[in-house]
């Protein structure tokens, strides 16, 4: 009995498309062997769980912590570059499709304008039939345009008073920084990861270590 192949991964999640080869090959050029290996594994992962496991294994399996740090930071820089490249391509495609859409909309509006002009000149009646299709001209519901509100009589004016209550977040954060939490609010400082080039000067690293030691003794 032959088994039928099913699409998707073993955990039931749909299989994701891998990165295009052109993008992948360009991305691996500037990476170390370890970072390139992780990049390939990430591109072949079929679920979010697998991606998380791959990144954690970089730290759990790698005996050389320095190599893990470098690979992790290299991946961050490379992914940032890929994001920028993909966004640029998306903007280009959006620009192309926006122009194409505008052209199609213009053509569609021109069809209606042509019929209306022909009707006004008497060349096409308000209801014209072809062999399989029919064109009809009908009036839309009335629309109203206000060109000078000062001339509109008061009986035709509706006054709406809108009260907007907007918390002053700057003031709330200032109170929090002084140790006064504001009821009904929560202020938090989120952490962020910064990837930098490691200092090559031994004196600079020595100075940072001495500074950290002084703070720990306080």
C-alpha atoms as a PDB file:
ATOM      1  CA  UNK A   1       0.000   0.000   0.000  1.00  0.00           C
ATOM      2  CA  UNK A   2       1.556   3.244  -1.126  1.00  0.00           C
ATOM      3  CA  UNK A   3       1.298   6.277   1.103  1.00  0.00           C
ATOM      4  CA  UNK A   4       0.122   9.590  -0.292  1.00  0.00           C
ATOM      5  CA  UNK A   5       2.485  12.516   0.263  1.00  0.00           C
ATOM      6  CA  UNK A   6       0.983  15.336   2.235  1.00  0.00           C
ATOM      7  CA  UNK A   7       1.975  18.952   1.956  1.00  0.00           C
ATOM      8  CA  UNK A   8       3.134  20.718   5.081  1.00  0.00           C
ATOM      9  CA  UNK A   9       5.356  19.787   7.988  1.00  0.00           C
ATOM     10  CA  UNK A  10       4.906  16.950  10.445  1.00  0.00           C
ATOM     11  CA  UNK A  11       3.341  19.200  13.061  1.00  0.00           C
ATOM     12  CA  UNK A  12       0.535  20.200  10.713  1.00  0.00           C
ATOM     13  CA  UNK A  13       1.857  23.655   9.901  1.00  0.00           C
ATOM     14  CA  UNK A  14       2.114  24.605   6.207  1.00  0.00           C
ATOM     15  CA  UNK A  15       5.575  24.281   4.737  1.00  0.00           C
ATOM     16  CA  UNK A  16       7.097  27.671   4.137  1.00  0.00           C
ATOM     17  CA  UNK A  17       8.825  28.682   0.941  1.00  0.00           C
ATOM     18  CA  UNK A  18      12.624  28.916   1.313  1.00  0.00           C
ATOM     19  CA  UNK A  19      14.491  32.120   0.577  1.00  0.00           C
ATOM     20  CA  UNK A  20      15.256  32.668  -3.106  1.00  0.00           C
ATOM     21  CA  UNK A  21      18.617  31.179  -4.084  1.00  0.00           C
ATOM     22  CA  UNK A  22      19.872  34.526  -5.365  1.00  0.00           C
ATOM     23  CA  UNK A  23      19.265  36.189  -2.012  1.00  0.00           C
ATOM     24  CA  UNK A  24      20.743  33.288  -0.056  1.00  0.00           C
ATOM     25  CA  UNK A  25      23.945  33.056  -2.105  1.00  0.00           C
ATOM     26  CA  UNK A  26      24.588  36.766  -1.821  1.00  0.00           C
ATOM     27  CA  UNK A  27      23.910  36.732   1.897  1.00  0.00           C
ATOM     28  CA  UNK A  28      26.378  33.941   2.672  1.00  0.00           C
ATOM     29  CA  UNK A  29      29.334  35.695   1.088  1.00  0.00           C
ATOM     30  CA  UNK A  30      30.162  37.915   4.041  1.00  0.00           C
ATOM     31  CA  UNK A  31      29.387  35.478   6.850  1.00  0.00           C
ATOM     32  CA  UNK A  32      31.635  33.197   8.858  1.00  0.00           C
ATOM     33  CA  UNK A  33      31.223  29.438   8.432  1.00  0.00           C
ATOM     34  CA  UNK A  34      29.201  29.170  11.641  1.00  0.00           C
ATOM     35  CA  UNK A  35      26.909  32.068  10.747  1.00  0.00           C
ATOM     36  CA  UNK A  36      26.444  30.709   7.219  1.00  0.00           C
ATOM     37  CA  UNK A  37      25.511  27.312   8.661  1.00  0.00           C
ATOM     38  CA  UNK A  38      22.877  28.870  10.930  1.00  0.00           C
ATOM     39  CA  UNK A  39      21.555  30.947   8.016  1.00  0.00           C
ATOM     40  CA  UNK A  40      21.034  27.816   5.910  1.00  0.00           C
ATOM     41  CA  UNK A  41      19.323  26.032   8.789  1.00  0.00           C
ATOM     42  CA  UNK A  42      16.987  28.974   9.334  1.00  0.00           C
ATOM     43  CA  UNK A  43      16.111  29.089   5.630  1.00  0.00           C
ATOM     44  CA  UNK A  44      15.187  25.389   5.745  1.00  0.00           C
ATOM     45  CA  UNK A  45      13.160  25.571   8.972  1.00  0.00           C
ATOM     46  CA  UNK A  46       9.484  24.728   8.551  1.00  0.00           C
ATOM     47  CA  UNK A  47       8.057  26.291  11.715  1.00  0.00           C
ATOM     48  CA  UNK A  48       8.628  29.072  14.211  1.00  0.00           C
ATOM     49  CA  UNK A  49       9.527  26.449  16.807  1.00  0.00           C
ATOM     50  CA  UNK A  50      12.318  25.079  14.613  1.00  0.00           C
ATOM     51  CA  UNK A  51      13.702  28.578  14.093  1.00  0.00           C
ATOM     52  CA  UNK A  52      13.798  29.174  17.838  1.00  0.00           C
ATOM     53  CA  UNK A  53      15.505  25.810  18.419  1.00  0.00           C
ATOM     54  CA  UNK A  54      18.165  26.556  15.806  1.00  0.00           C
ATOM     55  CA  UNK A  55      19.080  29.851  17.444  1.00  0.00           C
ATOM     56  CA  UNK A  56      19.154  28.322  20.918  1.00  0.00           C
ATOM     57  CA  UNK A  57      21.358  25.448  19.724  1.00  0.00           C
ATOM     58  CA  UNK A  58      23.902  28.009  18.581  1.00  0.00           C
ATOM     59  CA  UNK A  59      24.476  28.803  22.250  1.00  0.00           C
ATOM     60  CA  UNK A  60      23.832  25.383  23.772  1.00  0.00           C
ATOM     61  CA  UNK A  61      26.069  23.337  21.450  1.00  0.00           C
ATOM     62  CA  UNK A  62      28.778  25.884  20.687  1.00  0.00           C
ATOM     63  CA  UNK A  63      31.666  25.473  23.115  1.00  0.00           C
ATOM     64  CA  UNK A  64      33.328  28.650  21.904  1.00  0.00           C
ATOM     65  CA  UNK A  65      31.188  31.444  23.341  1.00  0.00           C
ATOM     66  CA  UNK A  66      33.166  34.057  21.392  1.00  0.00           C
ATOM     67  CA  UNK A  67      32.311  32.324  18.101  1.00  0.00           C
ATOM     68  CA  UNK A  68      28.647  32.165  19.097  1.00  0.00           C
ATOM     69  CA  UNK A  69      28.604  35.887  19.864  1.00  0.00           C
ATOM     70  CA  UNK A  70      30.229  36.743  16.532  1.00  0.00           C
ATOM     71  CA  UNK A  71      27.896  34.456  14.568  1.00  0.00           C
ATOM     72  CA  UNK A  72      24.820  35.811  16.340  1.00  0.00           C
ATOM     73  CA  UNK A  73      25.824  39.419  15.651  1.00  0.00           C
ATOM     74  CA  UNK A  74      26.770  38.635  12.037  1.00  0.00           C
ATOM     75  CA  UNK A  75      23.342  37.121  11.459  1.00  0.00           C
ATOM     76  CA  UNK A  76      21.663  40.193  12.940  1.00  0.00           C
ATOM     77  CA  UNK A  77      23.587  42.520  10.613  1.00  0.00           C
ATOM     78  CA  UNK A  78      22.951  40.321   7.584  1.00  0.00           C
ATOM     79  CA  UNK A  79      19.230  40.015   8.297  1.00  0.00           C
ATOM     80  CA  UNK A  80      19.010  43.801   8.675  1.00  0.00           C
ATOM     81  CA  UNK A  81      20.608  44.122   5.235  1.00  0.00           C
ATOM     82  CA  UNK A  82      18.164  41.586   3.774  1.00  0.00           C
ATOM     83  CA  UNK A  83      15.203  43.430   5.291  1.00  0.00           C
ATOM     84  CA  UNK A  84      16.372  46.681   3.712  1.00  0.00           C
ATOM     85  CA  UNK A  85      16.841  44.975   0.331  1.00  0.00           C
ATOM     86  CA  UNK A  86      13.420  43.312   0.395  1.00  0.00           C
ATOM     87  CA  UNK A  87      11.737  46.581   1.411  1.00  0.00           C
ATOM     88  CA  UNK A  88      13.425  48.343  -1.500  1.00  0.00           C
ATOM     89  CA  UNK A  89      12.167  45.696  -3.917  1.00  0.00           C
ATOM     90  CA  UNK A  90       8.682  45.920  -2.432  1.00  0.00           C
ATOM     91  CA  UNK A  91       8.629  49.698  -2.855  1.00  0.00           C
ATOM     92  CA  UNK A  92       9.684  49.287  -6.481  1.00  0.00           C
ATOM     93  CA  UNK A  93       6.945  46.727  -7.131  1.00  0.00           C
ATOM     94  CA  UNK A  94       4.353  48.881  -5.377  1.00  0.00           C
ATOM     95  CA  UNK A  95       5.378  51.812  -7.562  1.00  0.00           C
ATOM     96  CA  UNK A  96       5.000  49.739 -10.722  1.00  0.00           C
ATOM     97  CA  UNK A  97       1.618  48.304  -9.725  1.00  0.00           C
ATOM     98  CA  UNK A  98       0.357  51.686  -8.518  1.00  0.00           C
ATOM     99  CA  UNK A  99       1.005  53.161 -11.960  1.00  0.00           C
ATOM    100  CA  UNK A 100      -0.646  50.182 -13.650  1.00  0.00           C
ATOM    101  CA  UNK A 101      -3.668  50.431 -11.346  1.00  0.00           C
ATOM    102  CA  UNK A 102      -4.003  54.164 -12.030  1.00  0.00           C
ATOM    103  CA  UNK A 103      -3.942  53.483 -15.766  1.00  0.00           C
ATOM    104  CA  UNK A 104      -6.644  50.809 -15.524  1.00  0.00           C
ATOM    105  CA  UNK A 105      -8.835  53.054 -13.363  1.00  0.00           C
ATOM    106  CA  UNK A 106      -8.375  55.870 -15.890  1.00  0.00           C
ATOM    107  CA  UNK A 107      -9.432  53.587 -18.734  1.00  0.00           C
ATOM    108  CA  UNK A 108     -12.490  52.444 -16.796  1.00  0.00           C
ATOM    109  CA  UNK A 109     -13.565  55.999 -16.034  1.00  0.00           C
ATOM    110  CA  UNK A 110     -13.002  56.975 -19.670  1.00  0.00           C
ATOM    111  CA  UNK A 111     -15.475  54.300 -20.777  1.00  0.00           C
ATOM    112  CA  UNK A 112     -18.226  55.899 -18.687  1.00  0.00           C
ATOM    113  CA  UNK A 113     -17.230  59.426 -19.732  1.00  0.00           C
ATOM    114  CA  UNK A 114     -17.385  58.453 -23.400  1.00  0.00           C
ATOM    115  CA  UNK A 115     -20.909  57.020 -23.075  1.00  0.00           C
ATOM    116  CA  UNK A 116     -22.135  60.094 -21.177  1.00  0.00           C
ATOM    117  CA  UNK A 117     -20.720  62.432 -23.823  1.00  0.00           C
ATOM    118  CA  UNK A 118     -22.264  60.396 -26.627  1.00  0.00           C
ATOM    119  CA  UNK A 119     -25.596  60.479 -24.790  1.00  0.00           C
ATOM    120  CA  UNK A 120     -25.408  64.252 -24.352  1.00  0.00           C
ATOM    121  CA  UNK A 121     -24.761  64.670 -28.075  1.00  0.00           C
ATOM    122  CA  UNK A 122     -27.659  62.360 -28.942  1.00  0.00           C
ATOM    123  CA  UNK A 123     -25.531  59.648 -30.520  1.00  0.00           C
ATOM    124  CA  UNK A 124     -26.351  57.076 -27.826  1.00  0.00           C
ATOM    125  CA  UNK A 125     -29.717  56.757 -26.085  1.00  0.00           C
ATOM    126  CA  UNK A 126     -30.142  56.310 -22.330  1.00  0.00           C
ATOM    127  CA  UNK A 127     -30.665  52.627 -22.990  1.00  0.00           C
ATOM    128  CA  UNK A 128     -28.742  50.999 -25.809  1.00  0.00           C
ATOM    129  CA  UNK A 129     -28.750  47.282 -26.549  1.00  0.00           C
ATOM    130  CA  UNK A 130     -26.166  45.243 -28.383  1.00  0.00           C
ATOM    131  CA  UNK A 131     -26.382  41.592 -29.364  1.00  0.00           C
ATOM    132  CA  UNK A 132     -25.476  40.233 -25.923  1.00  0.00           C
ATOM    133  CA  UNK A 133     -24.964  43.262 -23.668  1.00  0.00           C
ATOM    134  CA  UNK A 134     -26.900  46.370 -22.749  1.00  0.00           C
ATOM    135  CA  UNK A 135     -25.785  49.839 -21.639  1.00  0.00           C
ATOM    136  CA  UNK A 136     -28.108  51.951 -19.500  1.00  0.00           C
ATOM    137  CA  UNK A 137     -27.716  55.442 -18.102  1.00  0.00           C
ATOM    138  CA  UNK A 138     -29.503  56.140 -14.845  1.00  0.00           C
ATOM    139  CA  UNK A 139     -29.421  58.871 -12.217  1.00  0.00           C
ATOM    140  CA  UNK A 140     -27.609  58.228  -8.953  1.00  0.00           C
ATOM    141  CA  UNK A 141     -29.107  59.311  -5.608  1.00  0.00           C
ATOM    142  CA  UNK A 142     -28.753  63.089  -5.150  1.00  0.00           C
ATOM    143  CA  UNK A 143     -25.422  64.318  -3.834  1.00  0.00           C
ATOM    144  CA  UNK A 144     -24.902  67.585  -2.004  1.00  0.00           C
ATOM    145  CA  UNK A 145     -21.850  69.845  -2.248  1.00  0.00           C
ATOM    146  CA  UNK A 146     -21.254  72.680   0.220  1.00  0.00           C
ATOM    147  CA  UNK A 147     -19.282  75.429  -1.493  1.00  0.00           C
ATOM    148  CA  UNK A 148     -19.901  78.196   1.106  1.00  0.00           C
ATOM    149  CA  UNK A 149     -20.990  77.127   4.583  1.00  0.00           C
ATOM    150  CA  UNK A 150     -21.458  80.752   5.695  1.00  0.00           C
ATOM    151  CA  UNK A 151     -24.393  81.126   3.309  1.00  0.00           C
ATOM    152  CA  UNK A 152     -26.223  78.042   4.574  1.00  0.00           C
ATOM    153  CA  UNK A 153     -29.216  79.035   6.831  1.00  0.00           C
ATOM    154  CA  UNK A 154     -28.979  77.989  10.528  1.00  0.00           C
ATOM    155  CA  UNK A 155     -31.928  75.591  10.114  1.00  0.00           C
ATOM    156  CA  UNK A 156     -29.743  73.487   7.845  1.00  0.00           C
ATOM    157  CA  UNK A 157     -26.722  73.444  10.139  1.00  0.00           C
ATOM    158  CA  UNK A 158     -26.096  70.649  12.634  1.00  0.00           C
ATOM    159  CA  UNK A 159     -23.699  71.532  15.431  1.00  0.00           C
ATOM    160  CA  UNK A 160     -21.688  68.715  17.002  1.00  0.00           C
ATOM    161  CA  UNK A 161     -19.530  69.294  20.046  1.00  0.00           C
ATOM    162  CA  UNK A 162     -16.806  66.671  20.374  1.00  0.00           C
ATOM    163  CA  UNK A 163     -14.901  66.398  23.639  1.00  0.00           C
ATOM    164  CA  UNK A 164     -11.550  64.706  23.273  1.00  0.00           C
ATOM    165  CA  UNK A 165      -9.818  63.360  26.349  1.00  0.00           C
ATOM    166  CA  UNK A 166      -6.187  62.616  25.676  1.00  0.00           C
ATOM    167  CA  UNK A 167      -3.833  61.534  28.474  1.00  0.00           C
ATOM    168  CA  UNK A 168      -0.550  63.434  28.621  1.00  0.00           C
ATOM    169  CA  UNK A 169       1.932  60.568  28.315  1.00  0.00           C
ATOM    170  CA  UNK A 170       4.932  62.870  28.656  1.00  0.00           C
ATOM    171  CA  UNK A 171       3.629  64.123  31.980  1.00  0.00           C
ATOM    172  CA  UNK A 172       2.802  60.580  33.104  1.00  0.00           C
ATOM    173  CA  UNK A 173       6.333  59.365  32.306  1.00  0.00           C
ATOM    174  CA  UNK A 174       7.831  62.362  34.088  1.00  0.00           C
ATOM    175  CA  UNK A 175       5.810  61.537  37.211  1.00  0.00           C
ATOM    176  CA  UNK A 176       6.878  57.887  36.998  1.00  0.00           C
ATOM    177  CA  UNK A 177      10.547  58.864  36.750  1.00  0.00           C
ATOM    178  CA  UNK A 178      10.116  60.811  39.996  1.00  0.00           C
ATOM    179  CA  UNK A 179       8.648  57.766  41.739  1.00  0.00           C
ATOM    180  CA  UNK A 180       4.993  58.780  41.446  1.00  0.00           C
ATOM    181  CA  UNK A 181       3.008  56.202  39.432  1.00  0.00           C
ATOM    182  CA  UNK A 182      -0.186  57.564  37.907  1.00  0.00           C
ATOM    183  CA  UNK A 183      -3.324  55.461  38.577  1.00  0.00           C
ATOM    184  CA  UNK A 184      -4.694  53.741  35.497  1.00  0.00           C
ATOM    185  CA  UNK A 185      -1.337  53.756  33.727  1.00  0.00           C
ATOM    186  CA  UNK A 186       1.674  51.490  33.431  1.00  0.00           C
ATOM    187  CA  UNK A 187       5.123  52.733  32.496  1.00  0.00           C
ATOM    188  CA  UNK A 188       7.802  50.265  31.467  1.00  0.00           C
ATOM    189  CA  UNK A 189      11.211  50.402  29.860  1.00  0.00           C
ATOM    190  CA  UNK A 190      11.647  47.686  27.271  1.00  0.00           C
ATOM    191  CA  UNK A 191      15.035  46.145  26.631  1.00  0.00           C
ATOM    192  CA  UNK A 192      16.676  46.164  23.228  1.00  0.00           C
ATOM    193  CA  UNK A 193      19.662  44.338  21.820  1.00  0.00           C
ATOM    194  CA  UNK A 194      22.503  46.323  20.249  1.00  0.00           C
ATOM    195  CA  UNK A 195      25.056  44.662  17.979  1.00  0.00           C
ATOM    196  CA  UNK A 196      28.404  46.434  17.805  1.00  0.00           C
ATOM    197  CA  UNK A 197      31.911  45.864  16.523  1.00  0.00           C
ATOM    198  CA  UNK A 198      34.046  44.523  19.352  1.00  0.00           C
ATOM    199  CA  UNK A 199      36.825  46.888  20.545  1.00  0.00           C
ATOM    200  CA  UNK A 200      40.266  45.860  19.335  1.00  0.00           C
ATOM    201  CA  UNK A 201      42.198  47.917  21.861  1.00  0.00           C
ATOM    202  CA  UNK A 202      43.302  45.916  24.906  1.00  0.00           C
ATOM    203  CA  UNK A 203      43.580  49.133  26.900  1.00  0.00           C
ATOM    204  CA  UNK A 204      39.958  49.987  26.182  1.00  0.00           C
ATOM    205  CA  UNK A 205      38.755  46.548  27.249  1.00  0.00           C
ATOM    206  CA  UNK A 206      40.938  46.723  30.353  1.00  0.00           C
ATOM    207  CA  UNK A 207      39.442  50.099  31.241  1.00  0.00           C
ATOM    208  CA  UNK A 208      35.908  48.759  30.895  1.00  0.00           C
ATOM    209  CA  UNK A 209      36.748  45.796  33.136  1.00  0.00           C
ATOM    210  CA  UNK A 210      38.205  48.088  35.800  1.00  0.00           C
ATOM    211  CA  UNK A 211      35.140  50.325  35.643  1.00  0.00           C
ATOM    212  CA  UNK A 212      32.829  47.316  36.073  1.00  0.00           C
ATOM    213  CA  UNK A 213      34.853  46.136  39.070  1.00  0.00           C
ATOM    214  CA  UNK A 214      34.534  49.533  40.738  1.00  0.00           C
ATOM    215  CA  UNK A 215      30.757  49.535  40.303  1.00  0.00           C
ATOM    216  CA  UNK A 216      30.465  46.006  41.723  1.00  0.00           C
ATOM    217  CA  UNK A 217      32.293  47.050  44.906  1.00  0.00           C
ATOM    218  CA  UNK A 218      29.867  49.916  45.558  1.00  0.00           C
END
